[in-house]
Every structure is written in structure tokens, then in C-alpha cells.
Protein backbone atom coordinates (compact mmCIF):
# COMPACT_ATOMS: atom_id res chain seq x y z
CA MET A 1 115.51 101.19 89.78
CA PHE A 2 118.93 98.85 90.82
CA LYS A 3 120.37 96.15 91.31
CA TYR A 4 122.32 96.03 94.45
CA ASN A 5 125.75 93.49 94.91
CA CYS A 6 127.18 93.01 98.31
CA PRO A 7 130.30 91.12 100.29
CA GLY A 8 128.20 89.16 102.72
CA GLN A 9 130.04 90.63 107.00
CA TRP A 10 132.07 86.13 106.90
CA TRP A 11 131.09 84.63 103.88
CA GLY A 12 128.63 84.47 100.10
CA GLU A 13 126.83 88.19 99.04
CA HIS A 14 123.59 89.49 99.43
CA THR A 15 122.69 90.70 96.10
CA GLY A 16 118.94 92.21 95.56
CA TYR A 17 117.39 94.86 92.83
CA ARG A 18 115.07 98.66 94.33
CA GLN A 19 113.74 100.81 94.34
CA MET A 20 114.42 104.45 94.56
CA TYR A 21 112.59 107.71 95.10
CA THR A 22 113.20 111.89 94.57
CA ASN A 23 111.96 114.57 94.69
CA SER A 24 113.64 116.33 91.93
CA GLN A 25 116.22 115.67 88.76
CA ILE A 26 119.72 114.71 89.64
CA ASN A 27 122.63 112.90 88.01
CA ASP A 28 123.83 109.09 88.21
CA GLU A 29 125.98 109.83 90.69
CA GLN A 30 124.09 111.33 92.69
CA ALA A 31 121.73 108.60 92.36
CA ILE A 32 123.91 106.00 92.62
CA SER A 33 124.90 106.88 96.57
CA VAL A 34 121.66 107.69 96.69
CA ALA A 35 121.37 103.86 96.12
CA LYS A 36 124.44 103.40 98.09
CA ASN A 37 122.33 105.13 101.46
CA ASP A 38 119.28 103.56 100.42
CA ILE A 39 120.65 99.77 101.21
CA LYS A 40 122.74 101.54 104.10
CA LYS A 41 119.79 102.25 105.63
CA SER A 42 117.09 99.27 104.79
CA ARG A 43 119.62 96.38 104.93
CA GLY A 44 122.82 97.44 107.17
CA LEU A 45 124.74 96.86 104.37
CA THR A 46 128.37 98.83 103.47
CA ASP A 47 130.54 98.54 100.35
CA CYS A 48 127.79 97.96 97.89
CA ASP A 49 127.98 97.54 93.73
CA VAL A 50 125.36 99.81 92.49
CA SER A 51 124.08 98.98 89.12
CA LEU A 52 121.22 101.89 88.18
CA LEU A 53 119.05 100.02 85.53
CA VAL A 54 115.91 102.15 84.38
CA LYS A 55 115.71 106.43 85.65
CA TYR A 56 112.14 107.00 84.76
CA LYS A 57 109.57 110.32 85.83
CA LEU A 58 106.46 109.87 87.00
CA SER A 59 103.39 112.32 87.18
CA ILE A 60 99.39 112.14 88.19
CA GLU A 61 97.15 114.15 86.13
CA PRO A 62 93.91 114.74 87.79
CA ILE A 63 90.95 113.97 85.04
CA LYS A 64 88.03 114.14 86.79
CA THR A 65 86.72 116.09 90.60
CA TYR A 66 83.93 114.63 91.66
CA PRO A 67 81.55 116.29 94.27
CA ASP A 68 82.57 114.52 97.79
CA ILE A 69 86.53 115.92 97.27
CA THR A 70 84.73 118.41 99.28
CA LYS A 71 83.67 116.14 102.26
CA ILE A 72 87.54 115.28 102.92
CA PRO A 73 89.15 118.36 105.78
CA PHE A 74 92.73 119.15 105.17
CA SER A 75 93.49 119.41 108.83
CA GLU A 76 91.99 118.27 111.91
CA PRO A 77 91.81 120.03 114.73
CA ALA A 78 93.48 118.12 117.46
CA LYS A 79 90.62 116.55 119.82
CA LYS A 80 93.69 116.43 123.35
CA ALA A 81 95.51 119.00 123.33
CA ILE A 82 98.94 117.43 124.93
CA LYS A 83 101.53 120.38 126.73
CA LEU A 84 105.41 119.52 126.01
CA SER A 85 107.25 121.28 128.46
CA LEU A 86 110.83 121.03 129.47
CA ASP A 87 110.54 120.57 132.81
């Protein structure tokens, strides 16, 4: 979780809090870089100050599997195949 503060285009500022998720371990400098890119992509804001607030690790572990889990298909065949061509 991080806080951002970005100058407005003509006056004022944009301030807020956001969450970011990564698939790997990153250091603080990399986290700030990812946060700035996230703000740029999501809000279109640049030249932002970023303050890291919380870094945590989340893991999910199955506790019990029920029999109906086997009814979920891992993949489904395409019902209507679409041919792609460069012609």
C-alpha cells in the first residue's frame, strides 16, 4: 500500500492511496518505481511523490476440498472456432 501526491496540471494536487500487487519479492526502490508506473497508467499522472506505507505477504492455503471440485472443467473446447488470417 502506498500514498501518492502528484501536482495538478495547472493548480492543486492529486493525492490518494493505492494498493499494488506483485508476483515476486521486490526491494523498496523497485516498489516505488512500480507504484509510479501504476499511477501513470491508472490516473495519467506523472512527477508523483510516493510514500510506501505497508508491505505484506499474502498466502492462500486450501483447508478442505469438497467432492464437487472435480466438476469444474480445467478447460473448455471452443464452441465456434474463428479462423484468423492476414489476407
